[in-house]
Amino acid sequence: MFETLVAALARLRVALGWVFGLLVIVLANPSRRSLLVGMSVAVVGEAIRVWAAGHLNKAREVTSSGPYRFVGHPLYLGSSVMGFGLAIACRSVVVAALIALYLAATITAAITSEEAFLRRHFGEQYDLYRSGVAERRKNPGEMRRRFSVQQVIANREYRAMVGLLIAILLLALKATYNGSFWRAAGTHVVRPGG
């Protein structure tokens, strides 16, 4: 039962991300400064994801090059950094709590499902990889694959990039609409009828 729930949550994480994303935009109270700081952090998270996607050959091998030499799940690390940046940009404790809840539930479920899949398909090779993260830092091992833009595209990382861009644009629009963006820039906002 528990495994079924975890697997379902892992499968639905993208769809749930859009639902939570809509709530986040509605509840956000961004300012110019929060947007600049938060989106700078989120872009760092996306850069981590791109670096990882450029080394990952999903479901075909255990990857140990690029950021996989240092972290077991760099895509999820990047997603977490993006979420932290989004929380900063939104300037809302409620939004930060929603983002933390979403990330904790979905990333935990995704990691649990992924690790079960990798152990079933790669067995001892995956267990050795997971137990040797510290060793790979000292000795990068046999997989010295170079970063590949084609692999980033094959892993469809452009979807996360588009999602981040949409979030930035919607938050900027919301900040502009509520006037805080332009007040912070020192510009007087004239609203219709006043």
N, C-alpha and C. Protein backbone atom coordinates (compact mmCIF):
# COMPACT_ATOMS: atom_id res chain seq x y z
N MET A 1 0.81 -1.19 0.00
CA MET A 1 0.00 0.00 0.00
C MET A 1 0.86 1.26 0.00
N PHE A 2 1.84 1.31 0.94
CA PHE A 2 2.70 2.47 1.04
C PHE A 2 3.51 2.67 -0.25
N GLU A 3 4.05 1.56 -0.80
CA GLU A 3 4.82 1.66 -2.03
C GLU A 3 3.97 2.17 -3.19
N THR A 4 2.70 1.76 -3.22
CA THR A 4 1.79 2.22 -4.27
C THR A 4 1.55 3.72 -4.15
N LEU A 5 1.36 4.21 -2.93
CA LEU A 5 1.16 5.64 -2.71
C LEU A 5 2.41 6.43 -3.10
N VAL A 6 3.58 5.94 -2.72
CA VAL A 6 4.85 6.60 -3.05
C VAL A 6 5.03 6.64 -4.57
N ALA A 7 4.78 5.52 -5.23
CA ALA A 7 4.91 5.47 -6.69
C ALA A 7 3.94 6.42 -7.37
N ALA A 8 2.71 6.50 -6.88
CA ALA A 8 1.72 7.42 -7.46
C ALA A 8 2.14 8.87 -7.27
N LEU A 9 2.62 9.19 -6.09
CA LEU A 9 3.08 10.55 -5.81
C LEU A 9 4.27 10.91 -6.71
N ALA A 10 5.18 9.97 -6.90
CA ALA A 10 6.33 10.20 -7.78
C ALA A 10 5.88 10.44 -9.21
N ARG A 11 4.91 9.66 -9.69
CA ARG A 11 4.41 9.82 -11.06
C ARG A 11 3.67 11.14 -11.25
N LEU A 12 2.96 11.58 -10.21
CA LEU A 12 2.11 12.77 -10.32
C LEU A 12 2.84 14.06 -9.95
N ARG A 13 4.15 14.00 -9.65
CA ARG A 13 4.83 15.19 -9.14
C ARG A 13 4.82 16.36 -10.11
N VAL A 14 4.88 16.11 -11.41
CA VAL A 14 4.86 17.22 -12.37
C VAL A 14 3.47 17.86 -12.41
N ALA A 15 2.42 17.04 -12.48
CA ALA A 15 1.06 17.58 -12.48
C ALA A 15 0.77 18.32 -11.17
N LEU A 16 1.20 17.75 -10.06
CA LEU A 16 1.03 18.43 -8.77
C LEU A 16 1.83 19.72 -8.73
N GLY A 17 2.97 19.74 -9.41
CA GLY A 17 3.78 20.95 -9.48
C GLY A 17 3.04 22.10 -10.13
N TRP A 18 2.26 21.81 -11.16
CA TRP A 18 1.46 22.86 -11.81
C TRP A 18 0.36 23.36 -10.89
N VAL A 19 -0.27 22.44 -10.14
CA VAL A 19 -1.32 22.84 -9.20
C VAL A 19 -0.72 23.70 -8.08
N PHE A 20 0.37 23.22 -7.49
CA PHE A 20 1.03 23.99 -6.44
C PHE A 20 1.55 25.31 -7.01
N GLY A 21 2.05 25.27 -8.24
CA GLY A 21 2.56 26.48 -8.89
C GLY A 21 1.50 27.55 -9.01
N LEU A 22 0.30 27.14 -9.38
CA LEU A 22 -0.81 28.09 -9.49
C LEU A 22 -1.13 28.70 -8.12
N LEU A 23 -1.18 27.87 -7.09
CA LEU A 23 -1.40 28.38 -5.73
C LEU A 23 -0.30 29.35 -5.31
N VAL A 24 0.92 29.01 -5.65
CA VAL A 24 2.08 29.84 -5.31
C VAL A 24 1.94 31.22 -5.96
N ILE A 25 1.59 31.25 -7.23
CA ILE A 25 1.46 32.53 -7.95
C ILE A 25 0.33 33.36 -7.33
N VAL A 26 -0.78 32.71 -7.01
CA VAL A 26 -1.92 33.43 -6.44
C VAL A 26 -1.56 34.02 -5.07
N LEU A 27 -0.83 33.27 -4.26
CA LEU A 27 -0.51 33.70 -2.90
C LEU A 27 0.76 34.55 -2.79
N ALA A 28 1.50 34.63 -3.87
CA ALA A 28 2.78 35.36 -3.85
C ALA A 28 2.58 36.85 -3.64
N ASN A 29 3.58 37.47 -3.03
CA ASN A 29 3.59 38.91 -2.85
C ASN A 29 4.98 39.42 -3.24
N PRO A 30 5.37 39.23 -4.50
CA PRO A 30 6.74 39.54 -4.90
C PRO A 30 7.02 41.04 -4.94
N SER A 31 8.26 41.38 -4.68
CA SER A 31 8.75 42.74 -4.85
C SER A 31 9.91 42.67 -5.84
N ARG A 32 10.38 43.80 -6.25
CA ARG A 32 11.51 43.84 -7.18
C ARG A 32 12.71 43.12 -6.58
N ARG A 33 13.01 43.45 -5.32
CA ARG A 33 14.17 42.84 -4.66
C ARG A 33 13.98 41.33 -4.48
N SER A 34 12.79 40.91 -4.01
CA SER A 34 12.58 39.47 -3.80
C SER A 34 12.68 38.72 -5.12
N LEU A 35 12.19 39.32 -6.21
CA LEU A 35 12.30 38.69 -7.53
C LEU A 35 13.77 38.56 -7.95
N LEU A 36 14.52 39.61 -7.80
CA LEU A 36 15.93 39.57 -8.22
C LEU A 36 16.72 38.54 -7.43
N VAL A 37 16.57 38.55 -6.12
CA VAL A 37 17.30 37.61 -5.28
C VAL A 37 16.80 36.18 -5.50
N GLY A 38 15.50 35.99 -5.42
CA GLY A 38 14.92 34.65 -5.54
C GLY A 38 15.16 34.00 -6.89
N MET A 39 14.99 34.77 -7.94
CA MET A 39 15.19 34.18 -9.26
C MET A 39 16.67 33.93 -9.55
N SER A 40 17.55 34.71 -8.94
CA SER A 40 18.99 34.42 -9.07
C SER A 40 19.31 33.06 -8.44
N VAL A 41 18.72 32.80 -7.28
CA VAL A 41 18.91 31.50 -6.62
C VAL A 41 18.28 30.39 -7.47
N ALA A 42 17.09 30.63 -7.99
CA ALA A 42 16.40 29.62 -8.81
C ALA A 42 17.20 29.28 -10.07
N VAL A 43 17.84 30.28 -10.66
CA VAL A 43 18.65 30.04 -11.86
C VAL A 43 19.85 29.15 -11.52
N VAL A 44 20.43 29.33 -10.33
CA VAL A 44 21.51 28.45 -9.89
C VAL A 44 20.99 27.01 -9.80
N GLY A 45 19.78 26.85 -9.25
CA GLY A 45 19.18 25.51 -9.19
C GLY A 45 18.99 24.90 -10.56
N GLU A 46 18.53 25.71 -11.51
CA GLU A 46 18.35 25.20 -12.87
C GLU A 46 19.70 24.87 -13.50
N ALA A 47 20.72 25.63 -13.20
CA ALA A 47 22.06 25.34 -13.73
C ALA A 47 22.55 23.98 -13.22
N ILE A 48 22.28 23.68 -11.95
CA ILE A 48 22.64 22.37 -11.39
C ILE A 48 21.88 21.27 -12.16
N ARG A 49 20.61 21.51 -12.42
CA ARG A 49 19.80 20.53 -13.17
C ARG A 49 20.35 20.33 -14.58
N VAL A 50 20.70 21.41 -15.26
CA VAL A 50 21.24 21.30 -16.62
C VAL A 50 22.55 20.51 -16.60
N TRP A 51 23.42 20.82 -15.64
CA TRP A 51 24.69 20.10 -15.52
C TRP A 51 24.43 18.60 -15.34
N ALA A 52 23.49 18.26 -14.46
CA ALA A 52 23.16 16.85 -14.22
C ALA A 52 22.55 16.21 -15.47
N ALA A 53 21.61 16.90 -16.11
CA ALA A 53 20.95 16.35 -17.30
C ALA A 53 21.94 16.13 -18.44
N GLY A 54 23.00 16.90 -18.48
CA GLY A 54 24.02 16.74 -19.52
C GLY A 54 24.93 15.55 -19.32
N HIS A 55 24.79 14.88 -18.18
CA HIS A 55 25.59 13.69 -17.88
C HIS A 55 24.75 12.43 -17.72
N LEU A 56 23.44 12.59 -17.67
CA LEU A 56 22.55 11.47 -17.33
C LEU A 56 21.99 10.79 -18.57
N ASN A 57 22.12 9.47 -18.61
CA ASN A 57 21.51 8.65 -19.64
C ASN A 57 20.44 7.83 -18.93
N LYS A 58 19.27 8.44 -18.75
CA LYS A 58 18.21 7.90 -17.90
C LYS A 58 17.86 6.45 -18.22
N ALA A 59 17.76 5.65 -17.17
CA ALA A 59 17.31 4.25 -17.21
C ALA A 59 18.19 3.34 -18.05
N ARG A 60 19.35 3.84 -18.49
CA ARG A 60 20.23 3.00 -19.31
C ARG A 60 21.54 2.63 -18.61
N GLU A 61 21.89 3.42 -17.59
CA GLU A 61 23.14 3.15 -16.88
C GLU A 61 23.13 3.88 -15.55
N VAL A 62 24.07 3.50 -14.70
CA VAL A 62 24.29 4.22 -13.46
C VAL A 62 25.32 5.30 -13.80
N THR A 63 24.93 6.54 -13.69
CA THR A 63 25.78 7.66 -14.08
C THR A 63 26.64 8.09 -12.91
N SER A 64 27.93 8.26 -13.16
CA SER A 64 28.82 8.72 -12.09
C SER A 64 29.73 9.85 -12.56
N SER A 65 29.35 10.53 -13.62
CA SER A 65 30.14 11.66 -14.10
C SER A 65 29.46 12.97 -13.73
N GLY A 66 30.13 14.07 -13.96
CA GLY A 66 29.56 15.38 -13.66
C GLY A 66 29.18 15.50 -12.19
N PRO A 67 28.02 16.06 -11.90
CA PRO A 67 27.64 16.25 -10.50
C PRO A 67 27.34 14.94 -9.78
N TYR A 68 27.15 13.85 -10.52
CA TYR A 68 26.89 12.54 -9.91
C TYR A 68 28.11 12.02 -9.17
N ARG A 69 29.27 12.61 -9.39
CA ARG A 69 30.46 12.25 -8.62
C ARG A 69 30.35 12.75 -7.18
N PHE A 70 29.55 13.80 -6.97
CA PHE A 70 29.50 14.46 -5.67
C PHE A 70 28.19 14.23 -4.92
N VAL A 71 27.10 14.07 -5.66
CA VAL A 71 25.75 14.00 -5.08
C VAL A 71 24.99 12.86 -5.74
N GLY A 72 24.24 12.11 -4.96
CA GLY A 72 23.48 10.99 -5.50
C GLY A 72 22.33 11.40 -6.40
N HIS A 73 21.71 12.54 -6.12
CA HIS A 73 20.53 12.98 -6.88
C HIS A 73 20.63 14.48 -7.21
N PRO A 74 21.55 14.85 -8.11
CA PRO A 74 21.73 16.28 -8.39
C PRO A 74 20.53 16.95 -9.06
N LEU A 75 19.73 16.20 -9.81
CA LEU A 75 18.53 16.81 -10.39
C LEU A 75 17.58 17.28 -9.28
N TYR A 76 17.43 16.48 -8.25
CA TYR A 76 16.55 16.85 -7.15
C TYR A 76 17.18 17.94 -6.28
N LEU A 77 18.49 17.92 -6.16
CA LEU A 77 19.16 19.03 -5.47
C LEU A 77 18.87 20.33 -6.22
N GLY A 78 19.01 20.31 -7.54
CA GLY A 78 18.72 21.50 -8.35
C GLY A 78 17.28 21.94 -8.20
N SER A 79 16.36 20.99 -8.19
CA SER A 79 14.94 21.32 -8.00
C SER A 79 14.70 21.96 -6.64
N SER A 80 15.37 21.47 -5.62
CA SER A 80 15.23 22.03 -4.28
C SER A 80 15.76 23.46 -4.22
N VAL A 81 16.89 23.70 -4.87
CA VAL A 81 17.45 25.06 -4.91
C VAL A 81 16.49 25.97 -5.68
N MET A 82 15.93 25.47 -6.78
CA MET A 82 14.94 26.26 -7.53
C MET A 82 13.75 26.60 -6.64
N GLY A 83 13.26 25.63 -5.89
CA GLY A 83 12.13 25.86 -4.99
C GLY A 83 12.45 26.88 -3.93
N PHE A 84 13.66 26.82 -3.38
CA PHE A 84 14.09 27.80 -2.39
C PHE A 84 14.11 29.20 -3.01
N GLY A 85 14.64 29.30 -4.22
CA GLY A 85 14.66 30.58 -4.92
C GLY A 85 13.26 31.11 -5.19
N LEU A 86 12.37 30.23 -5.58
CA LEU A 86 10.99 30.63 -5.83
C LEU A 86 10.33 31.13 -4.54
N ALA A 87 10.60 30.46 -3.43
CA ALA A 87 10.05 30.89 -2.15
C ALA A 87 10.54 32.30 -1.79
N ILE A 88 11.81 32.56 -2.03
CA ILE A 88 12.35 33.90 -1.78
C ILE A 88 11.66 34.92 -2.68
N ALA A 89 11.54 34.58 -3.97
CA ALA A 89 10.92 35.50 -4.93
C ALA A 89 9.48 35.83 -4.57
N CYS A 90 8.76 34.87 -4.02
CA CYS A 90 7.35 35.07 -3.70
C CYS A 90 7.11 35.90 -2.46
N ARG A 91 8.09 35.98 -1.58
CA ARG A 91 8.02 36.83 -0.39
C ARG A 91 6.76 36.54 0.44
N SER A 92 6.58 35.26 0.77
CA SER A 92 5.40 34.85 1.55
C SER A 92 5.74 33.60 2.35
N VAL A 93 5.47 33.64 3.63
CA VAL A 93 5.70 32.49 4.50
C VAL A 93 4.80 31.33 4.10
N VAL A 94 3.55 31.63 3.75
CA VAL A 94 2.60 30.59 3.33
C VAL A 94 3.12 29.90 2.07
N VAL A 95 3.60 30.69 1.12
CA VAL A 95 4.14 30.12 -0.12
C VAL A 95 5.36 29.27 0.18
N ALA A 96 6.24 29.77 1.04
CA ALA A 96 7.44 29.00 1.39
C ALA A 96 7.05 27.65 2.01
N ALA A 97 6.03 27.64 2.85
CA ALA A 97 5.56 26.39 3.46
C ALA A 97 4.96 25.45 2.41
N LEU A 98 4.20 25.99 1.46
CA LEU A 98 3.64 25.17 0.38
C LEU A 98 4.76 24.54 -0.47
N ILE A 99 5.74 25.36 -0.81
CA ILE A 99 6.86 24.86 -1.61
C ILE A 99 7.62 23.77 -0.84
N ALA A 100 7.88 24.01 0.43
CA ALA A 100 8.59 23.01 1.25
C ALA A 100 7.79 21.71 1.34
N LEU A 101 6.48 21.81 1.54
CA LEU A 101 5.62 20.62 1.59
C LEU A 101 5.67 19.86 0.27
N TYR A 102 5.49 20.58 -0.83
CA TYR A 102 5.51 19.95 -2.15
C TYR A 102 6.85 19.25 -2.41
N LEU A 103 7.95 19.97 -2.17
CA LEU A 103 9.27 19.38 -2.44
C LEU A 103 9.56 18.20 -1.53
N ALA A 104 9.25 18.33 -0.25
CA ALA A 104 9.52 17.22 0.68
C ALA A 104 8.75 15.97 0.28
N ALA A 105 7.48 16.13 -0.05
CA ALA A 105 6.66 14.96 -0.40
C ALA A 105 7.05 14.36 -1.74
N THR A 106 7.15 15.20 -2.77
CA THR A 106 7.36 14.65 -4.11
C THR A 106 8.80 14.19 -4.35
N ILE A 107 9.76 14.93 -3.84
CA ILE A 107 11.16 14.52 -4.05
C ILE A 107 11.46 13.26 -3.25
N THR A 108 10.96 13.17 -2.04
CA THR A 108 11.15 11.94 -1.26
C THR A 108 10.53 10.75 -1.99
N ALA A 109 9.33 10.92 -2.51
CA ALA A 109 8.67 9.84 -3.25
C ALA A 109 9.44 9.49 -4.52
N ALA A 110 9.90 10.50 -5.24
CA ALA A 110 10.64 10.25 -6.48
C ALA A 110 11.95 9.52 -6.20
N ILE A 111 12.67 9.94 -5.18
CA ILE A 111 13.94 9.28 -4.85
C ILE A 111 13.69 7.83 -4.44
N THR A 112 12.68 7.60 -3.62
CA THR A 112 12.36 6.23 -3.19
C THR A 112 12.02 5.35 -4.39
N SER A 113 11.18 5.85 -5.30
CA SER A 113 10.81 5.08 -6.50
C SER A 113 12.00 4.85 -7.41
N GLU A 114 12.77 5.91 -7.62
CA GLU A 114 13.94 5.80 -8.50
C GLU A 114 14.96 4.81 -7.97
N GLU A 115 15.23 4.89 -6.68
CA GLU A 115 16.22 3.99 -6.11
C GLU A 115 15.77 2.54 -6.20
N ALA A 116 14.48 2.29 -6.00
CA ALA A 116 13.96 0.92 -6.15
C ALA A 116 14.13 0.45 -7.60
N PHE A 117 13.81 1.31 -8.57
CA PHE A 117 13.97 0.98 -9.98
C PHE A 117 15.44 0.69 -10.30
N LEU A 118 16.34 1.56 -9.85
CA LEU A 118 17.76 1.39 -10.17
C LEU A 118 18.33 0.13 -9.52
N ARG A 119 17.89 -0.18 -8.32
CA ARG A 119 18.36 -1.42 -7.67
C ARG A 119 17.84 -2.65 -8.41
N ARG A 120 16.59 -2.60 -8.88
CA ARG A 120 16.04 -3.75 -9.65
C ARG A 120 16.80 -3.93 -10.96
N HIS A 121 17.10 -2.83 -11.64
CA HIS A 121 17.69 -2.93 -12.97
C HIS A 121 19.22 -3.01 -12.98
N PHE A 122 19.87 -2.43 -11.99
CA PHE A 122 21.33 -2.39 -12.01
C PHE A 122 21.98 -3.07 -10.81
N GLY A 123 21.16 -3.50 -9.85
CA GLY A 123 21.62 -4.28 -8.71
C GLY A 123 22.85 -3.76 -8.02
N GLU A 124 23.86 -4.60 -7.97
CA GLU A 124 25.09 -4.29 -7.24
C GLU A 124 25.79 -3.04 -7.78
N GLN A 125 25.71 -2.81 -9.08
CA GLN A 125 26.34 -1.62 -9.66
C GLN A 125 25.78 -0.34 -9.03
N TYR A 126 24.46 -0.31 -8.83
CA TYR A 126 23.85 0.87 -8.21
C TYR A 126 24.22 0.96 -6.73
N ASP A 127 24.21 -0.15 -6.02
CA ASP A 127 24.57 -0.14 -4.60
C ASP A 127 26.01 0.33 -4.41
N LEU A 128 26.91 -0.10 -5.28
CA LEU A 128 28.30 0.36 -5.21
C LEU A 128 28.39 1.86 -5.47
N TYR A 129 27.63 2.34 -6.45
CA TYR A 129 27.60 3.77 -6.74
C TYR A 129 27.14 4.55 -5.50
N ARG A 130 26.03 4.13 -4.90
CA ARG A 130 25.48 4.86 -3.75
C ARG A 130 26.41 4.80 -2.54
N SER A 131 27.12 3.72 -2.36
CA SER A 131 28.01 3.62 -1.21
C SER A 131 29.34 4.32 -1.45
N GLY A 132 29.65 4.66 -2.69
CA GLY A 132 30.96 5.21 -3.01
C GLY A 132 31.00 6.68 -3.36
N VAL A 133 30.00 7.47 -2.98
CA VAL A 133 30.01 8.89 -3.33
C VAL A 133 31.25 9.56 -2.77
N ALA A 134 31.60 9.29 -1.51
CA ALA A 134 32.79 9.91 -0.91
C ALA A 134 34.06 9.45 -1.63
N GLU A 135 34.11 8.18 -2.01
CA GLU A 135 35.29 7.65 -2.71
C GLU A 135 35.46 8.30 -4.08
N ARG A 136 34.34 8.56 -4.78
CA ARG A 136 34.42 9.19 -6.10
C ARG A 136 34.98 10.60 -6.03
N ARG A 137 34.79 11.27 -4.90
CA ARG A 137 35.35 12.61 -4.75
C ARG A 137 36.87 12.56 -4.82
N LYS A 138 37.45 11.49 -4.22
CA LYS A 138 38.90 11.33 -4.23
C LYS A 138 39.39 10.78 -5.56
N ASN A 139 38.63 9.82 -6.10
CA ASN A 139 39.02 9.15 -7.33
C ASN A 139 37.81 9.10 -8.26
N PRO A 140 37.74 10.01 -9.25
CA PRO A 140 36.54 10.12 -10.09
C PRO A 140 36.12 8.82 -10.79
N GLY A 141 36.97 7.81 -10.84
CA GLY A 141 36.55 6.53 -11.40
C GLY A 141 36.62 6.49 -12.92
N GLU A 142 36.03 5.46 -13.46
CA GLU A 142 36.15 5.19 -14.89
C GLU A 142 35.25 6.04 -15.77
N MET A 143 34.14 6.56 -15.26
CA MET A 143 33.21 7.32 -16.11
C MET A 143 33.60 8.79 -16.12
N ARG A 144 34.30 9.21 -17.14
CA ARG A 144 34.75 10.58 -17.29
C ARG A 144 34.02 11.23 -18.47
N ARG A 145 32.75 10.99 -18.57
CA ARG A 145 31.95 11.51 -19.67
C ARG A 145 31.92 13.03 -19.63
N ARG A 146 31.95 13.62 -20.80
CA ARG A 146 31.84 15.07 -20.91
C ARG A 146 30.38 15.48 -20.94
N PHE A 147 30.15 16.72 -20.54
CA PHE A 147 28.83 17.31 -20.60
C PHE A 147 28.34 17.32 -22.04
N SER A 148 27.05 17.03 -22.25
CA SER A 148 26.48 16.97 -23.60
C SER A 148 25.17 17.75 -23.67
N VAL A 149 25.15 18.77 -24.50
CA VAL A 149 23.92 19.53 -24.72
C VAL A 149 22.85 18.61 -25.31
N GLN A 150 23.25 17.70 -26.19
CA GLN A 150 22.29 16.76 -26.78
C GLN A 150 21.63 15.91 -25.69
N GLN A 151 22.40 15.55 -24.66
CA GLN A 151 21.83 14.76 -23.57
C GLN A 151 20.86 15.61 -22.74
N VAL A 152 21.16 16.89 -22.58
CA VAL A 152 20.24 17.80 -21.88
C VAL A 152 18.91 17.83 -22.62
N ILE A 153 18.97 17.93 -23.94
CA ILE A 153 17.76 17.96 -24.77
C ILE A 153 17.04 16.61 -24.71
N ALA A 154 17.80 15.51 -24.80
CA ALA A 154 17.19 14.17 -24.74
C ALA A 154 16.49 13.94 -23.40
N ASN A 155 17.02 14.53 -22.34
CA ASN A 155 16.41 14.40 -21.02
C ASN A 155 15.30 15.42 -20.79
N ARG A 156 14.98 16.19 -21.81
CA ARG A 156 13.88 17.16 -21.82
C ARG A 156 13.98 18.19 -20.69
N GLU A 157 15.19 18.61 -20.41
CA GLU A 157 15.40 19.62 -19.37
C GLU A 157 14.81 20.97 -19.77
N TYR A 158 14.58 21.15 -21.06
CA TYR A 158 13.97 22.40 -21.53
C TYR A 158 12.61 22.62 -20.86
N ARG A 159 11.95 21.56 -20.44
CA ARG A 159 10.65 21.72 -19.77
C ARG A 159 10.81 22.45 -18.43
N ALA A 160 11.84 22.11 -17.68
CA ALA A 160 12.09 22.80 -16.41
C ALA A 160 12.49 24.25 -16.66
N MET A 161 13.25 24.47 -17.73
CA MET A 161 13.64 25.84 -18.08
C MET A 161 12.42 26.68 -18.43
N VAL A 162 11.51 26.12 -19.21
CA VAL A 162 10.29 26.83 -19.59
C VAL A 162 9.44 27.09 -18.35
N GLY A 163 9.33 26.11 -17.47
CA GLY A 163 8.58 26.30 -16.23
C GLY A 163 9.15 27.42 -15.38
N LEU A 164 10.47 27.48 -15.28
CA LEU A 164 11.11 28.55 -14.52
C LEU A 164 10.86 29.90 -15.18
N LEU A 165 10.97 29.96 -16.49
CA LEU A 165 10.71 31.21 -17.22
C LEU A 165 9.26 31.67 -17.01
N ILE A 166 8.31 30.74 -17.08
CA ILE A 166 6.91 31.08 -16.85
C ILE A 166 6.73 31.64 -15.43
N ALA A 167 7.36 30.99 -14.44
CA ALA A 167 7.25 31.46 -13.06
C ALA A 167 7.81 32.87 -12.92
N ILE A 168 8.96 33.12 -13.53
CA ILE A 168 9.57 34.45 -13.47
C ILE A 168 8.64 35.49 -14.09
N LEU A 169 8.11 35.18 -15.27
CA LEU A 169 7.23 36.13 -15.95
C LEU A 169 5.94 36.39 -15.16
N LEU A 170 5.34 35.35 -14.63
CA LEU A 170 4.10 35.53 -13.86
C LEU A 170 4.35 36.32 -12.57
N LEU A 171 5.46 36.04 -11.92
CA LEU A 171 5.76 36.79 -10.70
C LEU A 171 6.09 38.25 -11.01
N ALA A 172 6.79 38.49 -12.10
CA ALA A 172 7.07 39.86 -12.51
C ALA A 172 5.78 40.59 -12.86
N LEU A 173 4.89 39.89 -13.54
CA LEU A 173 3.59 40.48 -13.87
C LEU A 173 2.80 40.78 -12.60
N LYS A 174 2.82 39.86 -11.66
CA LYS A 174 2.10 40.08 -10.40
C LYS A 174 2.72 41.25 -9.64
N ALA A 175 4.04 41.32 -9.60
CA ALA A 175 4.71 42.44 -8.91
C ALA A 175 4.37 43.75 -9.60
N THR A 176 4.29 43.73 -10.91
CA THR A 176 3.94 44.94 -11.66
C THR A 176 2.49 45.32 -11.40
N TYR A 177 1.62 44.35 -11.40
CA TYR A 177 0.20 44.60 -11.20
C TYR A 177 -0.07 45.17 -9.81
N ASN A 178 0.59 44.61 -8.79
CA ASN A 178 0.34 45.11 -7.45
C ASN A 178 1.14 46.38 -7.15
N GLY A 179 1.95 46.81 -8.12
CA GLY A 179 2.63 48.09 -8.02
C GLY A 179 3.93 48.07 -7.27
N SER A 180 4.22 47.00 -6.52
CA SER A 180 5.43 47.00 -5.70
C SER A 180 6.70 47.02 -6.55
N PHE A 181 6.64 46.42 -7.71
CA PHE A 181 7.82 46.40 -8.59
C PHE A 181 8.19 47.82 -9.01
N TRP A 182 7.20 48.58 -9.45
CA TRP A 182 7.48 49.93 -9.96
C TRP A 182 7.74 50.91 -8.83
N ARG A 183 7.07 50.74 -7.69
CA ARG A 183 7.37 51.62 -6.54
C ARG A 183 8.81 51.42 -6.11
N ALA A 184 9.27 50.17 -6.08
CA ALA A 184 10.65 49.88 -5.69
C ALA A 184 11.64 50.47 -6.68
N ALA A 185 11.23 50.57 -7.95
CA ALA A 185 12.10 51.14 -8.98
C ALA A 185 12.03 52.67 -8.97
N GLY A 186 11.17 53.22 -8.12
CA GLY A 186 11.06 54.67 -8.03
C GLY A 186 10.14 55.30 -9.05
N THR A 187 9.29 54.51 -9.67
CA THR A 187 8.37 55.00 -10.70
C THR A 187 6.98 55.12 -10.10
N HIS A 188 6.29 56.18 -10.40
CA HIS A 188 4.91 56.37 -9.93
C HIS A 188 3.97 55.53 -10.79
N VAL A 189 3.09 54.78 -10.14
CA VAL A 189 2.13 53.93 -10.84
C VAL A 189 0.80 54.65 -10.93
N VAL A 190 0.27 54.78 -12.14
CA VAL A 190 -1.05 55.39 -12.34
C VAL A 190 -2.00 54.26 -12.70
N ARG A 191 -3.03 54.10 -11.87
CA ARG A 191 -4.00 53.03 -12.13
C ARG A 191 -5.22 53.64 -12.83
N PRO A 192 -5.90 52.83 -13.61
CA PRO A 192 -7.11 53.32 -14.27
C PRO A 192 -8.10 53.88 -13.25
N GLY A 193 -8.65 55.03 -13.56
CA GLY A 193 -9.65 55.65 -12.70
C GLY A 193 -9.06 56.42 -11.53
N GLY A 194 -7.74 56.57 -11.47
CA GLY A 194 -7.19 57.28 -10.33
C GLY A 194 -5.89 57.76 -10.57
